[in-house]
Amino acid sequence: MNSLWPLLITLIYVAIAMMIGLRARGGQASRANMNSLEEWGVAGRSMGPVTLYLLIAAGSVSAYTFMGAPGWAYSKGVAVFYVAIYLAYLALIAWYFGPKVWQFGAEFGHVTQASAIADRYQSPALGALASLVMAVGSIAYAVLQTVGSAYILFVMSGGIIPVWLGVVLVLASIAVYLYASGQRAIGRTNAFQGVLMLVVAWTVGLWAVHSATGGLSFSAVFERIQSEHAAFLTLPGASGDMSFSFWTTSIIVSMFSFMPPVWTQWMSASSARTIRRSATWLPTYYVVILPMVIVGFIGIYSLPDLARADTVALEYAMQHLPVVLVGLLGAGTLAASMSSSEPFIHSVSLSLSKDVLQPLLKLSNATTGRLARLMILPIMALVIAPLAIAEPGSLVMILLVGLGFASQVLPAFIGMFFWPRASRLGVMAGIVAGFLVTVAFTTLWPHPLGIHAGFWGLIINLPIFVGVSLVTPATQADVVERFFRIAAPRGLTRLGKKAAP
């Protein structure tokens, strides 16, 4: 395809996203307060249900919707449907925990996940540890999205824009409006990106099905796969590398990863009721993944010799779809990538400033707010950009590695929502042990017995957390009661008395 229209449409999308992000600062009052942690970090806790719905939905449905998920369908088959289980769980988590997290933030002044952890256990050191561990998972996720974004520009330009330059262009455009408008920019751009992704995914998916089968029924695709490539419809897949144990433990690890941007999104809502309404609507958006997965299955028999599985949707579109649809697919894929990289870059910058540097350097809130905005630049330039340019592994595998590290903070949340006896030292011991095991089983002995490294980390992490908590002092009773009055209002406190409703 020699037309410049796909690249032009994709670049027009980038320009629109930048304009929306810059305009998200709002009125003079909002612009004046943008250096505050409350305003830049959680949008002044002002987002309504529709914006929050699209923010959470577009943020969780990312580059793997248009690249990673079709790529897994193409290379592994039905293993890709782990995503459906994972996303269904995210909606349940948002419905149950989101309102509680919002109330923590509103009543106790939290603006980050790690600041809530530090408050619950009365330990800035534990908050800093949680922030650093979560930063590993968040940066992995941001790298995933940036790789996807850069590859879109590479393909849409016919190779004129190399991957390294695509990385620079995407991160630079995000940096401009993220610095200017913070969480408000993320909310506004994600709302636009979310609508664009939904329309593009179904338009491209249905057009691809029609071009491959002559109709609009997905069943025709699976019938052909069953007759010609049946191994793709069962685990471990045609390549034999997706065992039942790895598939299952990948789902479990994903389910137990409370990623920081989601926490920040909950705290940006205008009320607890807003979160519950948005979470109730979330499953209606996640159908966006289905048509793109079908494109991946079509590629199994239409594009049998692809060098890179993650590009199957783009390659099929460029060979079989009209030029305008190819351009819209490029814009939609770039929207998916940017809508997810923005919140992860934002959350890492916000948390490292608030939860690591502020207590370490004894900074004021005003100084910390300015630092959080500035931190996005070195994070992008010195960490995310070099890793993205190196293109480490497949997109979905990068995601799973990141979630493996993030899941090691699970003990902190168990103690926040379910177990009052959890202690600061117990949580620390569990996180450190789980993190070290996850590092070892990711790098030195990858996924022993076909079980996800993050799951091995949890196997070691949780017993140590419980054991150390039982033999070390618990957090002060008044702090625990303050949290559990919100987390378990019906009396799940084991404090000897029922919490106030």
Protein backbone atom coordinates (compact mmCIF):
# COMPACT_ATOMS: atom_id res chain seq x y z
CA MET A 1 0.00 0.00 0.00
CA ASN A 2 1.71 3.18 -1.22
CA SER A 3 -0.92 5.72 -0.17
CA LEU A 4 -0.04 8.37 2.42
CA TRP A 5 -3.64 8.52 3.67
CA PRO A 6 -3.14 5.99 6.51
CA LEU A 7 -0.20 7.99 7.90
CA LEU A 8 -2.04 11.29 7.46
CA ILE A 9 -5.13 10.03 9.31
CA THR A 10 -2.96 8.66 12.12
CA LEU A 11 -1.06 11.95 12.50
CA ILE A 12 -4.32 13.91 12.48
CA TYR A 13 -5.42 11.77 15.41
CA VAL A 14 -2.21 12.66 17.32
CA ALA A 15 -2.84 16.37 16.72
CA ILE A 16 -6.45 16.08 17.94
CA ALA A 17 -5.37 14.19 21.06
CA MET A 18 -2.79 16.88 21.89
CA MET A 19 -5.38 19.63 21.43
CA ILE A 20 -7.90 17.85 23.68
CA GLY A 21 -5.24 17.20 26.32
CA LEU A 22 -4.05 20.81 26.39
CA ARG A 23 -7.61 22.18 26.58
CA ALA A 24 -8.39 19.86 29.50
CA ARG A 25 -6.80 22.29 31.95
CA GLY A 26 -10.15 24.02 32.14
CA GLY A 27 -10.64 27.50 33.56
CA GLN A 28 -8.19 29.91 35.13
CA ALA A 29 -8.65 28.38 38.58
CA SER A 30 -7.75 24.89 37.40
CA ARG A 31 -4.70 26.14 35.52
CA ALA A 32 -3.50 28.07 38.56
CA ASN A 33 -3.81 25.01 40.79
CA MET A 34 -2.22 22.55 38.36
CA ASN A 35 0.95 22.35 40.49
CA SER A 36 -1.07 20.92 43.38
CA LEU A 37 -1.10 17.17 43.96
CA GLU A 38 -4.89 17.23 44.27
CA GLU A 39 -5.45 18.95 40.92
CA TRP A 40 -2.68 17.48 38.73
CA GLY A 41 -2.86 14.08 40.42
CA VAL A 42 -6.59 13.33 40.78
CA ALA A 43 -8.30 16.14 38.80
CA GLY A 44 -9.69 17.71 41.95
CA ARG A 45 -11.85 14.58 42.46
CA SER A 46 -14.32 15.95 39.91
CA MET A 47 -14.87 13.37 37.14
CA GLY A 48 -18.42 12.36 36.25
CA PRO A 49 -19.64 8.82 35.48
CA VAL A 50 -19.36 8.94 31.66
CA THR A 51 -15.84 10.37 31.67
CA LEU A 52 -14.78 7.90 34.36
CA TYR A 53 -16.35 5.00 32.45
CA LEU A 54 -14.41 5.84 29.30
CA LEU A 55 -11.26 6.63 31.30
CA ILE A 56 -11.17 3.23 33.00
CA ALA A 57 -12.34 1.35 29.91
CA ALA A 58 -9.94 2.94 27.43
CA GLY A 59 -7.09 2.74 29.94
CA SER A 60 -7.50 -1.00 30.47
CA VAL A 61 -8.19 -1.85 26.82
CA SER A 62 -4.84 -0.93 25.35
CA ALA A 63 -2.35 -1.77 22.62
CA TYR A 64 -2.97 -5.45 23.12
CA THR A 65 -6.55 -4.95 21.88
CA PHE A 66 -5.34 -4.01 18.40
CA MET A 67 -1.92 -5.68 18.39
CA GLY A 68 -1.26 -8.01 21.32
CA ALA A 69 -4.63 -9.80 21.41
CA PRO A 70 -4.82 -10.41 17.63
CA GLY A 71 -1.18 -11.46 17.83
CA TRP A 72 -1.90 -14.06 20.51
CA ALA A 73 -4.93 -15.33 18.59
CA TYR A 74 -2.69 -15.64 15.52
CA SER A 75 0.23 -17.37 17.28
CA LYS A 76 -1.42 -19.21 20.21
CA GLY A 77 -5.17 -19.45 19.54
CA VAL A 78 -7.76 -19.61 22.32
CA ALA A 79 -5.16 -18.74 24.97
CA VAL A 80 -5.95 -15.13 24.05
CA PHE A 81 -9.27 -15.35 25.89
CA TYR A 82 -7.47 -15.00 29.20
CA VAL A 83 -8.04 -11.30 28.50
CA ALA A 84 -11.83 -11.71 28.71
CA ILE A 85 -11.59 -13.25 32.18
CA TYR A 86 -9.10 -10.64 33.35
CA LEU A 87 -11.24 -7.71 32.17
CA ALA A 88 -14.42 -9.14 33.68
CA TYR A 89 -12.59 -9.30 36.98
CA LEU A 90 -11.45 -5.67 36.62
CA ALA A 91 -15.06 -4.55 36.37
CA LEU A 92 -15.96 -6.46 39.57
CA ILE A 93 -12.94 -5.02 41.37
CA ALA A 94 -13.88 -1.48 40.37
CA TRP A 95 -17.48 -1.98 41.54
CA TYR A 96 -16.52 -3.35 44.96
CA PHE A 97 -13.25 -1.66 45.89
CA GLY A 98 -13.50 1.59 43.92
CA PRO A 99 -16.00 3.35 46.21
CA LYS A 100 -13.97 2.37 49.28
CA VAL A 101 -10.75 3.71 47.75
CA TRP A 102 -12.53 6.94 46.81
CA GLN A 103 -13.70 7.37 50.41
CA PHE A 104 -10.17 6.71 51.71
CA GLY A 105 -8.91 9.50 49.47
CA ALA A 106 -11.72 11.93 50.23
CA GLU A 107 -11.51 11.48 54.02
CA PHE A 108 -7.77 10.90 54.51
CA GLY A 109 -6.34 13.03 51.68
CA HIS A 110 -4.67 10.24 49.68
CA VAL A 111 -3.68 11.02 46.09
CA THR A 112 -1.74 7.82 45.33
CA GLN A 113 -2.04 4.13 46.05
CA ALA A 114 1.23 4.07 47.99
CA SER A 115 0.15 7.00 50.19
CA ALA A 116 -2.90 4.94 51.24
CA ILE A 117 -0.58 2.03 52.07
CA ALA A 118 1.75 4.30 54.06
CA ASP A 119 -1.22 5.67 56.01
CA ARG A 120 -2.77 2.26 56.75
CA TYR A 121 0.50 0.88 58.16
CA GLN A 122 1.82 4.22 59.47
CA SER A 123 5.03 3.65 57.54
CA PRO A 124 6.41 6.02 54.87
CA ALA A 125 9.11 3.40 54.20
CA LEU A 126 6.48 0.79 53.30
CA GLY A 127 4.73 3.33 51.08
CA ALA A 128 8.02 3.99 49.28
CA LEU A 129 8.67 0.25 48.89
CA ALA A 130 5.20 -0.33 47.43
CA SER A 131 5.69 2.64 45.09
CA LEU A 132 9.00 1.28 43.78
CA VAL A 133 7.70 -2.26 43.26
CA MET A 134 4.58 -0.99 41.51
CA ALA A 135 6.76 1.29 39.38
CA VAL A 136 8.41 -1.81 37.87
CA GLY A 137 5.03 -3.18 36.74
CA SER A 138 3.79 0.24 35.63
CA ILE A 139 6.87 1.00 33.57
CA ALA A 140 6.62 -2.42 31.90
CA TYR A 141 3.04 -1.55 30.95
CA ALA A 142 4.05 1.91 29.67
CA VAL A 143 6.82 0.32 27.59
CA LEU A 144 4.28 -2.10 26.10
CA GLN A 145 2.05 0.78 25.00
CA THR A 146 4.93 2.85 23.67
CA VAL A 147 6.25 -0.03 21.57
CA GLY A 148 2.77 -0.47 20.13
CA SER A 149 2.46 3.25 19.36
CA ALA A 150 5.85 3.43 17.66
CA TYR A 151 5.18 0.37 15.56
CA ILE A 152 1.92 1.88 14.33
CA LEU A 153 3.77 4.93 13.02
CA PHE A 154 6.41 2.66 11.47
CA VAL A 155 3.80 0.62 9.57
CA MET A 156 1.56 3.56 8.62
CA SER A 157 4.55 5.44 7.19
CA GLY A 158 5.78 2.44 5.22
CA GLY A 159 8.98 2.42 7.26
CA ILE A 160 9.75 6.12 6.82
CA ILE A 161 9.30 6.71 10.57
CA PRO A 162 11.59 4.17 12.29
CA VAL A 163 10.59 2.70 15.63
CA TRP A 164 13.02 4.85 17.60
CA LEU A 165 11.63 8.03 16.07
CA GLY A 166 8.07 6.82 16.66
CA VAL A 167 8.91 6.32 20.34
CA VAL A 168 10.23 9.88 20.56
CA LEU A 169 7.24 11.41 18.74
CA VAL A 170 4.63 9.59 20.81
CA LEU A 171 6.27 10.26 24.17
CA ALA A 172 6.88 13.90 23.29
CA SER A 173 3.23 14.47 22.37
CA ILE A 174 2.04 12.78 25.57
CA ALA A 175 4.54 14.78 27.65
CA VAL A 176 3.18 18.09 26.38
CA TYR A 177 -0.42 17.63 27.51
CA LEU A 178 0.34 15.41 30.49
CA TYR A 179 2.61 18.09 31.94
CA ALA A 180 0.07 20.80 31.19
CA SER A 181 -3.13 19.13 32.39
CA GLY A 182 -2.32 15.97 34.39
CA GLN A 183 -5.21 13.68 35.22
CA ARG A 184 -7.69 15.99 33.52
CA ALA A 185 -5.86 15.45 30.22
CA ILE A 186 -5.95 11.69 30.75
CA GLY A 187 -9.69 11.79 31.39
CA ARG A 188 -10.53 13.94 28.35
CA THR A 189 -8.20 12.18 25.90
CA ASN A 190 -9.28 8.73 27.09
CA ALA A 191 -12.93 9.66 26.56
CA PHE A 192 -12.17 10.60 22.95
CA GLN A 193 -9.86 7.63 22.44
CA GLY A 194 -12.38 5.23 23.96
CA VAL A 195 -15.13 6.17 21.51
CA LEU A 196 -12.68 6.05 18.59
CA MET A 197 -11.41 2.57 19.57
CA LEU A 198 -14.91 1.13 19.88
CA VAL A 199 -16.01 2.40 16.47
CA VAL A 200 -12.78 1.42 14.70
CA ALA A 201 -12.54 -2.07 16.23
CA TRP A 202 -16.02 -3.13 15.14
CA THR A 203 -15.81 -1.47 11.73
CA VAL A 204 -12.46 -3.11 10.95
CA GLY A 205 -13.47 -6.44 12.49
CA LEU A 206 -16.72 -6.77 10.56
CA TRP A 207 -15.11 -5.62 7.32
CA ALA A 208 -12.32 -8.18 7.78
CA VAL A 209 -14.83 -10.97 8.44
CA HIS A 210 -16.76 -10.01 5.31
CA SER A 211 -13.62 -9.93 3.20
CA ALA A 212 -12.53 -13.35 4.49
CA THR A 213 -15.86 -15.20 4.50
CA GLY A 214 -18.25 -13.22 2.35
CA GLY A 215 -20.58 -12.73 5.33
CA LEU A 216 -20.65 -11.16 8.77
CA SER A 217 -20.78 -14.28 10.93
CA PHE A 218 -17.83 -14.97 13.23
CA SER A 219 -18.77 -18.66 13.26
CA ALA A 220 -17.51 -19.11 9.68
CA VAL A 221 -14.02 -18.10 10.82
CA PHE A 222 -13.97 -20.64 13.65
CA GLU A 223 -15.39 -23.39 11.44
CA ARG A 224 -12.50 -22.95 9.03
CA ILE A 225 -9.98 -22.87 11.90
CA GLN A 226 -11.49 -26.08 13.28
CA SER A 227 -11.21 -27.87 9.95
CA GLU A 228 -7.72 -26.64 8.98
CA HIS A 229 -5.93 -25.59 12.20
CA ALA A 230 -7.76 -27.29 15.08
CA ALA A 231 -4.76 -27.07 17.42
CA PHE A 232 -5.41 -23.34 17.80
CA LEU A 233 -8.74 -24.04 19.51
CA THR A 234 -7.29 -25.94 22.49
CA LEU A 235 -4.45 -25.42 24.95
CA PRO A 236 -1.44 -25.49 24.67
CA GLY A 237 -2.05 -24.16 21.14
CA ALA A 238 -0.41 -24.96 17.84
CA SER A 239 3.02 -23.82 19.04
CA GLY A 240 2.70 -25.90 22.23
CA ASP A 241 3.99 -23.10 24.47
CA MET A 242 0.80 -22.05 26.28
CA SER A 243 0.24 -24.75 28.89
CA PHE A 244 -2.86 -24.90 31.03
CA SER A 245 -0.78 -24.09 34.12
CA PHE A 246 0.80 -20.95 32.62
CA TRP A 247 -2.53 -19.77 31.20
CA THR A 248 -4.30 -20.26 34.53
CA THR A 249 -1.60 -18.69 36.70
CA SER A 250 -1.35 -15.75 34.29
CA ILE A 251 -5.04 -15.06 34.92
CA ILE A 252 -4.59 -15.33 38.70
CA VAL A 253 -1.59 -12.99 38.71
CA SER A 254 -3.48 -10.48 36.55
CA MET A 255 -6.48 -10.62 38.88
CA PHE A 256 -4.37 -9.84 41.96
CA SER A 257 -2.57 -6.84 40.44
CA PHE A 258 -4.09 -3.61 41.76
CA MET A 259 -2.30 -1.31 39.33
CA PRO A 260 -1.72 2.28 40.58
CA PRO A 261 -3.40 4.14 37.68
CA VAL A 262 -6.69 2.37 38.37
CA TRP A 263 -6.48 3.44 42.02
CA THR A 264 -5.82 7.04 40.93
CA GLN A 265 -8.74 6.91 38.49
CA TRP A 266 -11.08 5.83 41.28
CA MET A 267 -9.91 8.74 43.44
CA SER A 268 -10.56 11.16 40.55
CA ALA A 269 -14.31 10.46 40.61
CA SER A 270 -16.77 13.06 41.85
CA SER A 271 -18.32 10.56 44.28
CA ALA A 272 -18.34 6.93 45.36
CA ARG A 273 -21.66 6.46 43.55
CA THR A 274 -20.05 7.70 40.33
CA ILE A 275 -17.51 4.86 40.49
CA ARG A 276 -20.17 2.22 41.05
CA ARG A 277 -22.21 3.47 38.11
CA SER A 278 -19.16 3.54 35.83
CA ALA A 279 -18.07 0.06 36.92
CA THR A 280 -21.55 -1.30 36.22
CA TRP A 281 -21.26 -0.06 32.64
CA LEU A 282 -17.69 -1.35 32.04
CA PRO A 283 -18.58 -4.77 30.53
CA THR A 284 -20.48 -3.01 27.76
CA TYR A 285 -17.18 -1.56 26.54
CA TYR A 286 -15.04 -4.69 26.72
CA VAL A 287 -16.74 -6.14 23.63
CA VAL A 288 -14.24 -3.94 21.78
CA ILE A 289 -11.74 -6.81 21.99
CA LEU A 290 -13.85 -9.46 20.24
CA PRO A 291 -13.67 -8.26 16.60
CA MET A 292 -9.91 -7.70 16.80
CA VAL A 293 -9.37 -11.21 18.15
CA ILE A 294 -11.36 -12.52 15.18
CA VAL A 295 -8.98 -10.68 12.85
CA GLY A 296 -6.12 -12.56 14.52
CA PHE A 297 -7.84 -15.89 13.86
CA ILE A 298 -8.45 -14.90 10.24
CA GLY A 299 -4.73 -14.26 9.91
CA ILE A 300 -3.93 -17.89 10.80
CA TYR A 301 -4.98 -19.02 7.36
CA SER A 302 -4.71 -15.72 5.45
CA LEU A 303 -1.21 -14.66 6.56
CA PRO A 304 0.59 -17.88 7.50
CA ASP A 305 4.18 -16.56 7.37
CA LEU A 306 4.20 -13.33 9.38
CA ALA A 307 7.54 -12.50 10.98
CA ARG A 308 5.85 -10.69 13.89
CA ALA A 309 2.51 -11.90 15.23
CA ASP A 310 1.64 -8.57 16.88
CA THR A 311 1.25 -6.98 13.43
CA VAL A 312 -1.38 -9.40 12.10
CA ALA A 313 -4.30 -6.94 12.27
CA LEU A 314 -2.33 -4.19 10.56
CA GLU A 315 -0.94 -6.48 7.87
CA TYR A 316 -4.35 -7.95 7.09
CA ALA A 317 -5.90 -4.48 6.94
CA MET A 318 -3.22 -3.18 4.59
CA GLN A 319 -3.72 -6.12 2.21
CA HIS A 320 -7.51 -6.43 2.26
CA LEU A 321 -9.19 -3.25 3.59
CA PRO A 322 -9.80 0.21 2.03
CA VAL A 323 -7.17 2.89 2.60
CA VAL A 324 -9.39 4.98 4.89
CA LEU A 325 -10.08 1.99 7.14
CA VAL A 326 -6.35 1.28 7.34
CA GLY A 327 -5.80 4.86 8.47
CA LEU A 328 -8.59 4.61 11.04
CA LEU A 329 -7.10 1.35 12.31
CA GLY A 330 -3.77 3.11 12.72
CA ALA A 331 -5.45 5.93 14.61
CA GLY A 332 -7.46 3.50 16.73
CA THR A 333 -4.42 1.42 17.59
CA LEU A 334 -2.44 4.52 18.45
CA ALA A 335 -5.38 5.69 20.59
CA ALA A 336 -5.36 2.38 22.44
CA SER A 337 -1.65 2.65 23.12
CA MET A 338 -1.63 6.29 24.18
CA SER A 339 -4.76 5.98 26.34
CA SER A 340 -2.96 3.38 28.45
CA SER A 341 0.57 4.77 28.49
CA GLU A 342 -0.64 8.18 29.74
CA PRO A 343 -2.06 6.97 33.09
CA PHE A 344 0.90 4.70 33.82
CA ILE A 345 3.48 7.41 33.17
CA HIS A 346 1.38 9.81 35.24
CA SER A 347 1.01 7.39 38.16
CA VAL A 348 4.74 6.55 38.28
CA SER A 349 5.69 10.23 38.29
CA LEU A 350 3.06 11.10 40.89
CA SER A 351 3.90 8.22 43.22
CA LEU A 352 7.69 8.49 43.04
CA SER A 353 7.41 12.18 43.88
CA LYS A 354 4.78 11.84 46.61
CA ASP A 355 5.74 8.51 48.20
CA VAL A 356 9.51 8.25 47.68
CA LEU A 357 11.09 11.67 47.23
CA GLN A 358 8.81 13.74 49.48
CA PRO A 359 9.45 11.74 52.69
CA LEU A 360 13.10 11.18 51.76
CA LEU A 361 13.88 14.85 51.08
CA LYS A 362 11.27 16.35 53.46
CA LEU A 363 9.58 18.30 50.66
CA SER A 364 6.47 20.44 51.02
CA ASN A 365 3.28 19.50 49.19
CA ALA A 366 3.71 22.49 46.87
CA THR A 367 7.25 21.48 45.92
CA THR A 368 6.16 17.85 45.51
CA GLY A 369 3.36 18.89 43.17
CA ARG A 370 5.78 20.76 40.91
CA LEU A 371 8.24 17.88 41.07
CA ALA A 372 5.58 15.35 40.02
CA ARG A 373 4.95 17.29 36.81
CA LEU A 374 8.67 17.56 36.05
CA MET A 375 9.35 13.88 36.79
CA ILE A 376 7.48 12.72 33.71
CA LEU A 377 10.36 13.98 31.54
CA PRO A 378 13.24 11.88 32.98
CA ILE A 379 10.94 8.86 33.35
CA MET A 380 10.07 9.05 29.67
CA ALA A 381 13.54 9.98 28.38
CA LEU A 382 15.76 7.80 30.57
CA VAL A 383 13.62 4.72 31.24
CA ILE A 384 10.60 4.21 28.98
CA ALA A 385 12.13 5.41 25.70
CA PRO A 386 15.31 3.25 25.83
CA LEU A 387 13.35 0.15 26.84
CA ALA A 388 10.72 0.73 24.14
CA ILE A 389 13.35 1.26 21.46
CA ALA A 390 14.92 -2.08 22.46
CA GLU A 391 11.49 -3.76 21.80
CA PRO A 392 11.72 -6.47 24.49
CA GLY A 393 9.49 -9.48 23.66
CA SER A 394 5.87 -9.70 22.57
CA LEU A 395 3.42 -7.08 23.79
CA VAL A 396 1.24 -9.42 25.85
CA MET A 397 4.28 -11.09 27.44
CA ILE A 398 5.57 -7.67 28.56
CA LEU A 399 2.17 -7.07 30.14
CA LEU A 400 2.26 -10.39 32.01
CA VAL A 401 5.76 -9.74 33.34
CA GLY A 402 4.69 -6.32 34.61
CA LEU A 403 1.60 -7.73 36.30
CA GLY A 404 3.74 -10.41 37.97
CA PHE A 405 5.73 -7.74 39.78
CA ALA A 406 2.68 -5.61 40.61
CA SER A 407 0.87 -8.57 42.19
CA GLN A 408 3.53 -8.80 44.91
CA VAL A 409 1.98 -5.79 46.69
CA LEU A 410 -1.16 -7.91 47.36
CA PRO A 411 -0.44 -8.27 51.14
CA ALA A 412 -0.79 -4.51 51.59
CA PHE A 413 -4.32 -4.66 50.17
CA ILE A 414 -5.28 -7.73 52.18
CA GLY A 415 -4.41 -5.76 55.30
CA MET A 416 -6.28 -2.72 54.06
CA PHE A 417 -9.57 -4.41 53.20
CA PHE A 418 -9.77 -7.81 54.93
CA TRP A 419 -7.28 -8.50 57.74
CA PRO A 420 -6.79 -5.92 60.50
CA ARG A 421 -3.93 -7.91 62.09
CA ALA A 422 -1.63 -7.36 59.07
CA SER A 423 1.51 -5.58 60.23
CA ARG A 424 3.96 -3.23 58.59
CA LEU A 425 6.83 -5.72 58.91
CA GLY A 426 4.68 -8.58 57.62
CA VAL A 427 3.73 -6.66 54.50
CA MET A 428 7.34 -5.58 53.92
CA ALA A 429 8.69 -9.11 54.33
CA GLY A 430 6.10 -10.55 51.95
CA ILE A 431 6.65 -7.92 49.25
CA VAL A 432 10.46 -8.23 49.35
CA ALA A 433 10.40 -12.04 49.28
CA GLY A 434 7.81 -12.17 46.50
CA PHE A 435 9.62 -9.57 44.45
CA LEU A 436 12.95 -11.40 44.65
CA VAL A 437 11.36 -14.71 43.68
CA THR A 438 9.57 -13.05 40.75
CA VAL A 439 12.83 -11.50 39.54
CA ALA A 440 14.63 -14.86 39.77
CA PHE A 441 11.86 -16.78 38.02
CA THR A 442 11.54 -14.15 35.30
CA THR A 443 15.24 -13.80 34.46
CA LEU A 444 17.25 -16.80 35.73
CA TRP A 445 14.75 -19.68 35.60
CA PRO A 446 11.80 -18.44 33.53
CA HIS A 447 8.44 -19.71 34.81
CA PRO A 448 9.43 -23.08 36.39
CA LEU A 449 7.02 -25.98 35.72
CA GLY A 450 5.17 -23.72 33.30
CA ILE A 451 3.84 -21.60 36.18
CA HIS A 452 3.96 -17.81 35.94
CA ALA A 453 6.87 -16.23 37.85
CA GLY A 454 4.50 -13.83 39.62
CA PHE A 455 2.46 -16.76 40.92
CA TRP A 456 5.63 -18.34 42.34
CA GLY A 457 6.26 -15.00 44.01
CA LEU A 458 2.82 -15.05 45.62
CA ILE A 459 3.33 -18.64 46.84
CA ILE A 460 6.34 -17.42 48.85
CA ASN A 461 5.01 -13.94 49.55
CA LEU A 462 1.69 -14.69 51.27
CA PRO A 463 2.83 -17.26 53.91
CA ILE A 464 5.73 -14.98 54.91
CA PHE A 465 3.33 -12.03 55.13
CA VAL A 466 0.95 -13.93 57.42
CA GLY A 467 3.68 -15.46 59.58
CA VAL A 468 5.62 -12.26 60.15
CA SER A 469 2.40 -10.29 60.78
CA LEU A 470 1.39 -12.71 63.54
CA VAL A 471 4.67 -12.27 65.45
CA THR A 472 5.17 -8.51 64.98
CA PRO A 473 3.19 -5.54 66.36
CA ALA A 474 0.02 -4.59 64.53
CA THR A 475 -0.78 -1.03 63.46
CA GLN A 476 -2.36 1.18 66.13
CA ALA A 477 -5.98 0.24 66.77
CA ASP A 478 -7.35 3.72 66.01
CA VAL A 479 -5.73 3.73 62.54
CA VAL A 480 -7.00 0.23 61.76
CA GLU A 481 -10.49 1.12 62.92
CA ARG A 482 -10.44 4.29 60.82
CA PHE A 483 -9.73 2.23 57.68
CA PHE A 484 -12.05 -0.65 58.46
CA ARG A 485 -14.96 1.63 59.19
CA ILE A 486 -14.85 2.21 55.42
CA ALA A 487 -13.43 -1.13 54.20
CA ALA A 488 -15.75 -3.35 56.27
CA PRO A 489 -18.65 -1.30 57.62
CA ARG A 490 -20.62 -4.40 58.65
CA GLY A 491 -18.15 -5.35 61.31
CA LEU A 492 -15.40 -7.39 59.64
CA THR A 493 -12.81 -5.77 61.91
CA ARG A 494 -11.95 -8.23 64.68
CA LEU A 495 -11.41 -5.18 66.85
CA GLY A 496 -13.80 -6.30 69.54
CA LYS A 497 -16.59 -3.96 68.47
CA LYS A 498 -18.59 -3.21 65.42
CA ALA A 499 -17.51 -0.30 63.25
CA ALA A 500 -19.86 2.60 62.81
CA PRO A 501 -22.02 2.44 59.68
